Structures are given as C-alpha cells and as structure tokens.
mmCIF file of all heavy atoms, coordinates in Angstrom:
data_MODEL
# 
_entry.id   MODEL 
# 
loop_
_atom_site.group_PDB 
_atom_site.id 
_atom_site.type_symbol 
_atom_site.label_atom_id 
_atom_site.label_alt_id 
_atom_site.label_comp_id 
_atom_site.label_asym_id 
_atom_site.label_entity_id 
_atom_site.label_seq_id 
_atom_site.pdbx_PDB_ins_code 
_atom_site.Cartn_x 
_atom_site.Cartn_y 
_atom_site.Cartn_z 
_atom_site.occupancy 
_atom_site.B_iso_or_equiv 
_atom_site.pdbx_formal_charge 
_atom_site.auth_seq_id 
_atom_site.auth_comp_id 
_atom_site.auth_asym_id 
_atom_site.auth_atom_id 
_atom_site.pdbx_PDB_model_num 
ATOM 1   N N   . LEU A 1 1  ? 0.899  19.268 8.312  1.00 0.00 ? 1  LEU A N   1 
ATOM 2   C CA  . LEU A 1 1  ? -0.232 19.740 9.011  1.00 0.00 ? 1  LEU A CA  1 
ATOM 3   C C   . LEU A 1 1  ? -0.276 21.307 9.070  1.00 0.00 ? 1  LEU A C   1 
ATOM 4   O O   . LEU A 1 1  ? -1.323 21.927 8.897  1.00 0.00 ? 1  LEU A O   1 
ATOM 5   C CB  . LEU A 1 1  ? -0.305 19.162 10.439 1.00 0.00 ? 1  LEU A CB  1 
ATOM 6   C CG  . LEU A 1 1  ? -1.525 19.486 11.239 1.00 0.00 ? 1  LEU A CG  1 
ATOM 7   C CD1 . LEU A 1 1  ? -2.780 18.931 10.600 1.00 0.00 ? 1  LEU A CD1 1 
ATOM 8   C CD2 . LEU A 1 1  ? -1.406 18.895 12.657 1.00 0.00 ? 1  LEU A CD2 1 
ATOM 9   N N   . ILE A 1 2  ? 0.887  21.879 9.368  1.00 0.00 ? 2  ILE A N   1 
ATOM 10  C CA  . ILE A 1 2  ? 1.002  23.338 9.434  1.00 0.00 ? 2  ILE A CA  1 
ATOM 11  C C   . ILE A 1 2  ? 0.722  23.967 8.041  1.00 0.00 ? 2  ILE A C   1 
ATOM 12  O O   . ILE A 1 2  ? 0.070  25.023 7.946  1.00 0.00 ? 2  ILE A O   1 
ATOM 13  C CB  . ILE A 1 2  ? 2.383  23.755 9.927  1.00 0.00 ? 2  ILE A CB  1 
ATOM 14  C CG1 . ILE A 1 2  ? 2.540  23.359 11.407 1.00 0.00 ? 2  ILE A CG1 1 
ATOM 15  C CG2 . ILE A 1 2  ? 2.616  25.256 9.764  1.00 0.00 ? 2  ILE A CG2 1 
ATOM 16  C CD1 . ILE A 1 2  ? 3.885  23.551 11.959 1.00 0.00 ? 2  ILE A CD1 1 
ATOM 17  N N   . LYS A 1 3  ? 1.155  23.346 6.990  1.00 0.00 ? 3  LYS A N   1 
ATOM 18  C CA  . LYS A 1 3  ? 0.901  23.866 5.668  1.00 0.00 ? 3  LYS A CA  1 
ATOM 19  C C   . LYS A 1 3  ? -0.585 23.910 5.428  1.00 0.00 ? 3  LYS A C   1 
ATOM 20  O O   . LYS A 1 3  ? -1.115 24.846 4.826  1.00 0.00 ? 3  LYS A O   1 
ATOM 21  C CB  . LYS A 1 3  ? 1.559  22.926 4.625  1.00 0.00 ? 3  LYS A CB  1 
ATOM 22  C CG  . LYS A 1 3  ? 1.380  23.406 3.214  1.00 0.00 ? 3  LYS A CG  1 
ATOM 23  C CD  . LYS A 1 3  ? 2.143  22.480 2.256  1.00 0.00 ? 3  LYS A CD  1 
ATOM 24  C CE  . LYS A 1 3  ? 1.971  22.984 0.811  1.00 0.00 ? 3  LYS A CE  1 
ATOM 25  N NZ  . LYS A 1 3  ? 2.680  22.106 -0.135 1.00 0.00 ? 3  LYS A NZ  1 
ATOM 26  N N   . LYS A 1 4  ? -1.329 22.927 5.926  1.00 0.00 ? 4  LYS A N   1 
ATOM 27  C CA  . LYS A 1 4  ? -2.808 22.901 5.833  1.00 0.00 ? 4  LYS A CA  1 
ATOM 28  C C   . LYS A 1 4  ? -3.402 24.043 6.651  1.00 0.00 ? 4  LYS A C   1 
ATOM 29  O O   . LYS A 1 4  ? -4.311 24.744 6.230  1.00 0.00 ? 4  LYS A O   1 
ATOM 30  C CB  . LYS A 1 4  ? -3.319 21.583 6.292  1.00 0.00 ? 4  LYS A CB  1 
ATOM 31  C CG  . LYS A 1 4  ? -4.870 21.473 6.294  1.00 0.00 ? 4  LYS A CG  1 
ATOM 32  C CD  . LYS A 1 4  ? -5.297 20.105 6.826  1.00 0.00 ? 4  LYS A CD  1 
ATOM 33  C CE  . LYS A 1 4  ? -6.821 20.018 6.866  1.00 0.00 ? 4  LYS A CE  1 
ATOM 34  N NZ  . LYS A 1 4  ? -7.301 18.744 7.447  1.00 0.00 ? 4  LYS A NZ  1 
ATOM 35  N N   . PHE A 1 5  ? -2.863 24.286 7.863  1.00 0.00 ? 5  PHE A N   1 
ATOM 36  C CA  . PHE A 1 5  ? -3.343 25.330 8.687  1.00 0.00 ? 5  PHE A CA  1 
ATOM 37  C C   . PHE A 1 5  ? -3.172 26.696 7.996  1.00 0.00 ? 5  PHE A C   1 
ATOM 38  O O   . PHE A 1 5  ? -4.040 27.603 8.021  1.00 0.00 ? 5  PHE A O   1 
ATOM 39  C CB  . PHE A 1 5  ? -2.645 25.364 10.029 1.00 0.00 ? 5  PHE A CB  1 
ATOM 40  C CG  . PHE A 1 5  ? -3.055 24.250 10.964 1.00 0.00 ? 5  PHE A CG  1 
ATOM 41  C CD1 . PHE A 1 5  ? -2.223 23.861 12.001 1.00 0.00 ? 5  PHE A CD1 1 
ATOM 42  C CD2 . PHE A 1 5  ? -4.255 23.586 10.770 1.00 0.00 ? 5  PHE A CD2 1 
ATOM 43  C CE1 . PHE A 1 5  ? -2.581 22.829 12.850 1.00 0.00 ? 5  PHE A CE1 1 
ATOM 44  C CE2 . PHE A 1 5  ? -4.629 22.535 11.605 1.00 0.00 ? 5  PHE A CE2 1 
ATOM 45  C CZ  . PHE A 1 5  ? -3.799 22.151 12.628 1.00 0.00 ? 5  PHE A CZ  1 
ATOM 46  N N   . ILE A 1 6  ? -1.982 26.878 7.368  1.00 0.00 ? 6  ILE A N   1 
ATOM 47  C CA  . ILE A 1 6  ? -1.695 28.170 6.706  1.00 0.00 ? 6  ILE A CA  1 
ATOM 48  C C   . ILE A 1 6  ? -2.653 28.355 5.547  1.00 0.00 ? 6  ILE A C   1 
ATOM 49  O O   . ILE A 1 6  ? -3.154 29.448 5.353  1.00 0.00 ? 6  ILE A O   1 
ATOM 50  C CB  . ILE A 1 6  ? -0.271 28.173 6.213  1.00 0.00 ? 6  ILE A CB  1 
ATOM 51  C CG1 . ILE A 1 6  ? 0.690  28.098 7.419  1.00 0.00 ? 6  ILE A CG1 1 
ATOM 52  C CG2 . ILE A 1 6  ? 0.043  29.375 5.349  1.00 0.00 ? 6  ILE A CG2 1 
ATOM 53  C CD1 . ILE A 1 6  ? 2.176  27.947 7.032  1.00 0.00 ? 6  ILE A CD1 1 
ATOM 54  N N   . ARG A 1 7  ? -2.898 27.295 4.821  1.00 0.00 ? 7  ARG A N   1 
ATOM 55  C CA  . ARG A 1 7  ? -3.759 27.420 3.639  1.00 0.00 ? 7  ARG A CA  1 
ATOM 56  C C   . ARG A 1 7  ? -5.232 27.711 4.007  1.00 0.00 ? 7  ARG A C   1 
ATOM 57  O O   . ARG A 1 7  ? -5.915 28.509 3.452  1.00 0.00 ? 7  ARG A O   1 
ATOM 58  C CB  . ARG A 1 7  ? -3.701 26.099 2.833  1.00 0.00 ? 7  ARG A CB  1 
ATOM 59  C CG  . ARG A 1 7  ? -4.526 26.139 1.573  1.00 0.00 ? 7  ARG A CG  1 
ATOM 60  C CD  . ARG A 1 7  ? -4.291 24.888 0.680  1.00 0.00 ? 7  ARG A CD  1 
ATOM 61  N NE  . ARG A 1 7  ? -4.744 23.688 1.368  1.00 0.00 ? 7  ARG A NE  1 
ATOM 62  C CZ  . ARG A 1 7  ? -3.949 22.748 1.877  1.00 0.00 ? 7  ARG A CZ  1 
ATOM 63  N NH1 . ARG A 1 7  ? -2.642 22.930 1.742  1.00 0.00 ? 7  ARG A NH1 1 
ATOM 64  N NH2 . ARG A 1 7  ? -4.421 21.684 2.518  1.00 0.00 ? 7  ARG A NH2 1 
ATOM 65  N N   . GLU A 1 8  ? -5.731 27.032 5.139  1.00 0.00 ? 8  GLU A N   1 
ATOM 66  C CA  . GLU A 1 8  ? -7.104 27.193 5.531  1.00 0.00 ? 8  GLU A CA  1 
ATOM 67  C C   . GLU A 1 8  ? -7.307 28.287 6.528  1.00 0.00 ? 8  GLU A C   1 
ATOM 68  O O   . GLU A 1 8  ? -8.427 28.745 6.748  1.00 0.00 ? 8  GLU A O   1 
ATOM 69  C CB  . GLU A 1 8  ? -7.577 25.862 6.084  1.00 0.00 ? 8  GLU A CB  1 
ATOM 70  C CG  . GLU A 1 8  ? -7.569 24.713 5.091  1.00 0.00 ? 8  GLU A CG  1 
ATOM 71  C CD  . GLU A 1 8  ? -8.060 23.417 5.695  1.00 0.00 ? 8  GLU A CD  1 
ATOM 72  O OE1 . GLU A 1 8  ? -8.328 23.413 6.940  1.00 0.00 ? 8  GLU A OE1 1 
ATOM 73  O OE2 . GLU A 1 8  ? -8.135 22.379 5.013  1.00 0.00 ? 8  GLU A OE2 1 
ATOM 74  N N   . GLY A 1 9  ? -6.222 28.724 7.145  1.00 0.00 ? 9  GLY A N   1 
ATOM 75  C CA  . GLY A 1 9  ? -6.343 29.839 8.128  1.00 0.00 ? 9  GLY A CA  1 
ATOM 76  C C   . GLY A 1 9  ? -7.025 29.461 9.435  1.00 0.00 ? 9  GLY A C   1 
ATOM 77  O O   . GLY A 1 9  ? -7.560 30.334 10.075 1.00 0.00 ? 9  GLY A O   1 
ATOM 78  N N   . VAL A 1 10 ? -6.938 28.193 9.806  1.00 0.00 ? 10 VAL A N   1 
ATOM 79  C CA  . VAL A 1 10 ? -7.575 27.753 11.059 1.00 0.00 ? 10 VAL A CA  1 
ATOM 80  C C   . VAL A 1 10 ? -6.534 26.930 11.819 1.00 0.00 ? 10 VAL A C   1 
ATOM 81  O O   . VAL A 1 10 ? -5.662 26.239 11.267 1.00 0.00 ? 10 VAL A O   1 
ATOM 82  C CB  . VAL A 1 10 ? -8.818 26.891 10.785 1.00 0.00 ? 10 VAL A CB  1 
ATOM 83  C CG1 . VAL A 1 10 ? -9.901 27.734 10.197 1.00 0.00 ? 10 VAL A CG1 1 
ATOM 84  C CG2 . VAL A 1 10 ? -8.486 25.702 9.922  1.00 0.00 ? 10 VAL A CG2 1 
ATOM 85  N N   . SER A 1 11 ? -6.643 27.015 13.138 1.00 0.00 ? 11 SER A N   1 
ATOM 86  C CA  . SER A 1 11 ? -5.810 26.206 14.004 1.00 0.00 ? 11 SER A CA  1 
ATOM 87  C C   . SER A 1 11 ? -6.381 26.205 15.413 1.00 0.00 ? 11 SER A C   1 
ATOM 88  O O   . SER A 1 11 ? -6.928 27.183 15.877 1.00 0.00 ? 11 SER A O   1 
ATOM 89  C CB  . SER A 1 11 ? -4.364 26.774 14.078 1.00 0.00 ? 11 SER A CB  1 
ATOM 90  O OG  . SER A 1 11 ? -3.581 26.093 14.991 1.00 0.00 ? 11 SER A OG  1 
ATOM 91  N N   . ASP A 1 12 ? -6.277 25.056 16.100 1.00 0.00 ? 12 ASP A N   1 
ATOM 92  C CA  . ASP A 1 12 ? -6.749 24.946 17.476 1.00 0.00 ? 12 ASP A CA  1 
ATOM 93  C C   . ASP A 1 12 ? -5.694 25.360 18.471 1.00 0.00 ? 12 ASP A C   1 
ATOM 94  O O   . ASP A 1 12 ? -5.904 25.441 19.655 1.00 0.00 ? 12 ASP A O   1 
ATOM 95  C CB  . ASP A 1 12 ? -7.150 23.496 17.778 1.00 0.00 ? 12 ASP A CB  1 
ATOM 96  C CG  . ASP A 1 12 ? -8.354 23.042 16.985 1.00 0.00 ? 12 ASP A CG  1 
ATOM 97  O OD1 . ASP A 1 12 ? -9.146 23.963 16.589 1.00 0.00 ? 12 ASP A OD1 1 
ATOM 98  O OD2 . ASP A 1 12 ? -8.483 21.853 16.676 1.00 0.00 ? 12 ASP A OD2 1 
ATOM 99  N N   . SER A 1 13 ? -4.519 25.665 17.987 1.00 0.00 ? 13 SER A N   1 
ATOM 100 C CA  . SER A 1 13 ? -3.352 25.973 18.876 1.00 0.00 ? 13 SER A CA  1 
ATOM 101 C C   . SER A 1 13 ? -2.483 27.015 18.193 1.00 0.00 ? 13 SER A C   1 
ATOM 102 O O   . SER A 1 13 ? -2.395 27.051 16.978 1.00 0.00 ? 13 SER A O   1 
ATOM 103 C CB  . SER A 1 13 ? -2.583 24.734 19.216 1.00 0.00 ? 13 SER A CB  1 
ATOM 104 O OG  . SER A 1 13 ? -1.417 25.047 19.946 1.00 0.00 ? 13 SER A OG  1 
ATOM 105 N N   . ASP A 1 14 ? -1.864 27.882 18.981 1.00 0.00 ? 14 ASP A N   1 
ATOM 106 C CA  . ASP A 1 14 ? -0.917 28.860 18.463 1.00 0.00 ? 14 ASP A CA  1 
ATOM 107 C C   . ASP A 1 14 ? 0.499  28.386 18.666 1.00 0.00 ? 14 ASP A C   1 
ATOM 108 O O   . ASP A 1 14 ? 1.454  29.099 18.424 1.00 0.00 ? 14 ASP A O   1 
ATOM 109 C CB  . ASP A 1 14 ? -1.105 30.226 19.084 1.00 0.00 ? 14 ASP A CB  1 
ATOM 110 C CG  . ASP A 1 14 ? -0.899 30.206 20.582 1.00 0.00 ? 14 ASP A CG  1 
ATOM 111 O OD1 . ASP A 1 14 ? -0.758 29.065 21.144 1.00 0.00 ? 14 ASP A OD1 1 
ATOM 112 O OD2 . ASP A 1 14 ? -0.953 31.219 21.236 1.00 0.00 ? 14 ASP A OD2 1 
ATOM 113 N N   . ARG A 1 15 ? 0.660  27.127 19.125 1.00 0.00 ? 15 ARG A N   1 
ATOM 114 C CA  . ARG A 1 15 ? 1.977  26.556 19.371 1.00 0.00 ? 15 ARG A CA  1 
ATOM 115 C C   . ARG A 1 15 ? 1.956  25.063 18.936 1.00 0.00 ? 15 ARG A C   1 
ATOM 116 O O   . ARG A 1 15 ? 1.226  24.301 19.567 1.00 0.00 ? 15 ARG A O   1 
ATOM 117 C CB  . ARG A 1 15 ? 2.389  26.687 20.834 1.00 0.00 ? 15 ARG A CB  1 
ATOM 118 C CG  . ARG A 1 15 ? 3.787  26.236 21.116 1.00 0.00 ? 15 ARG A CG  1 
ATOM 119 C CD  . ARG A 1 15 ? 4.092  26.375 22.615 1.00 0.00 ? 15 ARG A CD  1 
ATOM 120 N NE  . ARG A 1 15 ? 5.472  26.136 22.922 1.00 0.00 ? 15 ARG A NE  1 
ATOM 121 C CZ  . ARG A 1 15 ? 5.961  24.910 23.174 1.00 0.00 ? 15 ARG A CZ  1 
ATOM 122 N NH1 . ARG A 1 15 ? 5.157  23.863 23.096 1.00 0.00 ? 15 ARG A NH1 1 
ATOM 123 N NH2 . ARG A 1 15 ? 7.255  24.755 23.447 1.00 0.00 ? 15 ARG A NH2 1 
ATOM 124 N N   . ILE A 1 16 ? 2.693  24.740 17.915 1.00 0.00 ? 16 ILE A N   1 
ATOM 125 C CA  . ILE A 1 16 ? 2.685  23.339 17.363 1.00 0.00 ? 16 ILE A CA  1 
ATOM 126 C C   . ILE A 1 16 ? 4.140  22.839 17.423 1.00 0.00 ? 16 ILE A C   1 
ATOM 127 O O   . ILE A 1 16 ? 5.045  23.435 16.881 1.00 0.00 ? 16 ILE A O   1 
ATOM 128 C CB  . ILE A 1 16 ? 2.168  23.288 15.949 1.00 0.00 ? 16 ILE A CB  1 
ATOM 129 C CG1 . ILE A 1 16 ? 0.697  23.843 15.923 1.00 0.00 ? 16 ILE A CG1 1 
ATOM 130 C CG2 . ILE A 1 16 ? 2.205  21.869 15.407 1.00 0.00 ? 16 ILE A CG2 1 
ATOM 131 C CD1 . ILE A 1 16 ? 0.101  23.896 14.522 1.00 0.00 ? 16 ILE A CD1 1 
ATOM 132 N N   . VAL A 1 17 ? 4.317  21.660 18.106 1.00 0.00 ? 17 VAL A N   1 
ATOM 133 C CA  . VAL A 1 17 ? 5.635  21.121 18.253 1.00 0.00 ? 17 VAL A CA  1 
ATOM 134 C C   . VAL A 1 17 ? 6.060  20.512 16.911 1.00 0.00 ? 17 VAL A C   1 
ATOM 135 O O   . VAL A 1 17 ? 5.361  19.727 16.288 1.00 0.00 ? 17 VAL A O   1 
ATOM 136 C CB  . VAL A 1 17 ? 5.653  19.992 19.331 1.00 0.00 ? 17 VAL A CB  1 
ATOM 137 C CG1 . VAL A 1 17 ? 6.983  19.335 19.378 1.00 0.00 ? 17 VAL A CG1 1 
ATOM 138 C CG2 . VAL A 1 17 ? 5.250  20.590 20.688 1.00 0.00 ? 17 VAL A CG2 1 
ATOM 139 N N   . LEU A 1 18 ? 7.259  20.955 16.463 1.00 0.00 ? 18 LEU A N   1 
ATOM 140 C CA  . LEU A 1 18 ? 7.781  20.513 15.179 1.00 0.00 ? 18 LEU A CA  1 
ATOM 141 C C   . LEU A 1 18 ? 8.965  19.563 15.305 1.00 0.00 ? 18 LEU A C   1 
ATOM 142 O O   . LEU A 1 18 ? 9.292  18.815 14.337 1.00 0.00 ? 18 LEU A O   1 
ATOM 143 C CB  . LEU A 1 18 ? 8.266  21.729 14.336 1.00 0.00 ? 18 LEU A CB  1 
ATOM 144 C CG  . LEU A 1 18 ? 7.139  22.615 13.746 1.00 0.00 ? 18 LEU A CG  1 
ATOM 145 C CD1 . LEU A 1 18 ? 7.803  23.748 12.992 1.00 0.00 ? 18 LEU A CD1 1 
ATOM 146 C CD2 . LEU A 1 18 ? 6.253  21.801 12.833 1.00 0.00 ? 18 LEU A CD2 1 
ATOM 147 N N   . ALA A 1 19 ? 9.635  19.553 16.438 1.00 0.00 ? 19 ALA A N   1 
ATOM 148 C CA  . ALA A 1 19 ? 10.798 18.695 16.587 1.00 0.00 ? 19 ALA A CA  1 
ATOM 149 C C   . ALA A 1 19 ? 10.961 18.264 18.059 1.00 0.00 ? 19 ALA A C   1 
ATOM 150 O O   . ALA A 1 19 ? 10.646 19.077 18.974 1.00 0.00 ? 19 ALA A O   1 
ATOM 151 C CB  . ALA A 1 19 ? 12.079 19.388 16.129 1.00 0.00 ? 19 ALA A CB  1 
ATOM 152 N N   . ARG A 1 20 ? 11.376 17.065 18.276 1.00 0.00 ? 20 ARG A N   1 
ATOM 153 C CA  . ARG A 1 20 ? 11.591 16.525 19.600 1.00 0.00 ? 20 ARG A CA  1 
ATOM 154 C C   . ARG A 1 20 ? 12.965 15.856 19.657 1.00 0.00 ? 20 ARG A C   1 
ATOM 155 O O   . ARG A 1 20 ? 13.282 15.101 18.737 1.00 0.00 ? 20 ARG A O   1 
ATOM 156 C CB  . ARG A 1 20 ? 10.515 15.552 20.003 1.00 0.00 ? 20 ARG A CB  1 
ATOM 157 C CG  . ARG A 1 20 ? 9.130  16.149 20.223 1.00 0.00 ? 20 ARG A CG  1 
ATOM 158 C CD  . ARG A 1 20 ? 8.133  15.099 20.677 1.00 0.00 ? 20 ARG A CD  1 
ATOM 159 N NE  . ARG A 1 20 ? 6.837  15.706 21.011 1.00 0.00 ? 20 ARG A NE  1 
ATOM 160 C CZ  . ARG A 1 20 ? 5.893  15.832 20.110 1.00 0.00 ? 20 ARG A CZ  1 
ATOM 161 N NH1 . ARG A 1 20 ? 6.059  15.452 18.846 1.00 0.00 ? 20 ARG A NH1 1 
ATOM 162 N NH2 . ARG A 1 20 ? 4.738  16.388 20.472 1.00 0.00 ? 20 ARG A NH2 1 
ATOM 163 N N   . GLY A 1 21 ? 13.703 16.163 20.698 1.00 0.00 ? 21 GLY A N   1 
ATOM 164 C CA  . GLY A 1 21 ? 15.022 15.546 20.891 1.00 0.00 ? 21 GLY A CA  1 
ATOM 165 C C   . GLY A 1 21 ? 14.874 14.105 21.357 1.00 0.00 ? 21 GLY A C   1 
ATOM 166 O O   . GLY A 1 21 ? 13.763 13.627 21.628 1.00 0.00 ? 21 GLY A O   1 
ATOM 167 N N   . ARG A 1 22 ? 15.969 13.471 21.465 1.00 0.00 ? 22 ARG A N   1 
ATOM 168 C CA  . ARG A 1 22 ? 15.997 12.032 21.888 1.00 0.00 ? 22 ARG A CA  1 
ATOM 169 C C   . ARG A 1 22 ? 16.644 11.967 23.291 1.00 0.00 ? 22 ARG A C   1 
ATOM 170 O O   . ARG A 1 22 ? 17.832 12.431 23.460 1.00 0.00 ? 22 ARG A O   1 
ATOM 171 C CB  . ARG A 1 22 ? 16.766 11.193 20.918 1.00 0.00 ? 22 ARG A CB  1 
ATOM 172 C CG  . ARG A 1 22 ? 16.711 9.675  21.220 1.00 0.00 ? 22 ARG A CG  1 
ATOM 173 C CD  . ARG A 1 22 ? 17.551 8.940  20.211 1.00 0.00 ? 22 ARG A CD  1 
ATOM 174 N NE  . ARG A 1 22 ? 18.942 9.187  20.365 1.00 0.00 ? 22 ARG A NE  1 
ATOM 175 C CZ  . ARG A 1 22 ? 19.853 9.240  19.388 1.00 0.00 ? 22 ARG A CZ  1 
ATOM 176 N NH1 . ARG A 1 22 ? 19.420 9.170  18.155 1.00 0.00 ? 22 ARG A NH1 1 
ATOM 177 N NH2 . ARG A 1 22 ? 21.132 9.441  19.632 1.00 0.00 ? 22 ARG A NH2 1 
ATOM 178 N N   . ASP A 1 23 ? 15.934 11.465 24.249 1.00 0.00 ? 23 ASP A N   1 
ATOM 179 C CA  . ASP A 1 23 ? 16.492 11.349 25.642 1.00 0.00 ? 23 ASP A CA  1 
ATOM 180 C C   . ASP A 1 23 ? 17.570 10.284 25.653 1.00 0.00 ? 23 ASP A C   1 
ATOM 181 O O   . ASP A 1 23 ? 17.503 9.286  24.962 1.00 0.00 ? 23 ASP A O   1 
ATOM 182 C CB  . ASP A 1 23 ? 15.367 10.960 26.597 1.00 0.00 ? 23 ASP A CB  1 
ATOM 183 C CG  . ASP A 1 23 ? 14.362 12.063 26.795 1.00 0.00 ? 23 ASP A CG  1 
ATOM 184 O OD1 . ASP A 1 23 ? 14.795 13.231 26.804 1.00 0.00 ? 23 ASP A OD1 1 
ATOM 185 O OD2 . ASP A 1 23 ? 13.167 11.782 26.913 1.00 0.00 ? 23 ASP A OD2 1 
ATOM 186 N N   . PRO A 1 24 ? 18.599 10.495 26.505 1.00 0.00 ? 24 PRO A N   1 
ATOM 187 C CA  . PRO A 1 24 ? 19.635 9.476  26.621 1.00 0.00 ? 24 PRO A CA  1 
ATOM 188 C C   . PRO A 1 24 ? 19.077 8.229  27.372 1.00 0.00 ? 24 PRO A C   1 
ATOM 189 O O   . PRO A 1 24 ? 18.177 8.362  28.170 1.00 0.00 ? 24 PRO A O   1 
ATOM 190 C CB  . PRO A 1 24 ? 20.696 10.156 27.465 1.00 0.00 ? 24 PRO A CB  1 
ATOM 191 C CG  . PRO A 1 24 ? 19.981 11.240 28.205 1.00 0.00 ? 24 PRO A CG  1 
ATOM 192 C CD  . PRO A 1 24 ? 18.881 11.682 27.337 1.00 0.00 ? 24 PRO A CD  1 
ATOM 193 N N   . ILE A 1 25 ? 19.581 7.139  27.012 1.00 0.00 ? 25 ILE A N   1 
ATOM 194 C CA  . ILE A 1 25 ? 19.229 5.889  27.660 1.00 0.00 ? 25 ILE A CA  1 
ATOM 195 C C   . ILE A 1 25 ? 20.408 5.410  28.482 1.00 0.00 ? 25 ILE A C   1 
ATOM 196 O O   . ILE A 1 25 ? 21.526 5.188  27.940 1.00 0.00 ? 25 ILE A O   1 
ATOM 197 C CB  . ILE A 1 25 ? 18.825 4.800  26.648 1.00 0.00 ? 25 ILE A CB  1 
ATOM 198 C CG1 . ILE A 1 25 ? 17.620 5.228  25.854 1.00 0.00 ? 25 ILE A CG1 1 
ATOM 199 C CG2 . ILE A 1 25 ? 18.559 3.435  27.364 1.00 0.00 ? 25 ILE A CG2 1 
ATOM 200 C CD1 . ILE A 1 25 ? 17.217 4.237  24.769 1.00 0.00 ? 25 ILE A CD1 1 
ATOM 201 N N   . ALA A 1 26 ? 20.234 5.363  29.802 1.00 0.00 ? 26 ALA A N   1 
ATOM 202 C CA  . ALA A 1 26 ? 21.318 4.987  30.709 1.00 0.00 ? 26 ALA A CA  1 
ATOM 203 C C   . ALA A 1 26 ? 21.731 3.507  30.459 1.00 0.00 ? 26 ALA A C   1 
ATOM 204 O O   . ALA A 1 26 ? 20.871 2.647  30.175 1.00 0.00 ? 26 ALA A O   1 
ATOM 205 C CB  . ALA A 1 26 ? 20.912 5.251  32.142 1.00 0.00 ? 26 ALA A CB  1 
# 
C-alpha cells in the first residue's frame, strides 16, 4: 500500500503502521 502511495503521491495519513507485536497470552 505504501508503494502505491509513493508512486501516486497521495495519502490520507502521514503515519502508517507497518508492524505489530504479539501480546502474551497468560
């Protein structure tokens, strides 16, 4: 999706989440 934003020069946000950790399961 970011590659598309770079190519088209448009984005609705200036901060895009690329990675999320995994919460521990008790």
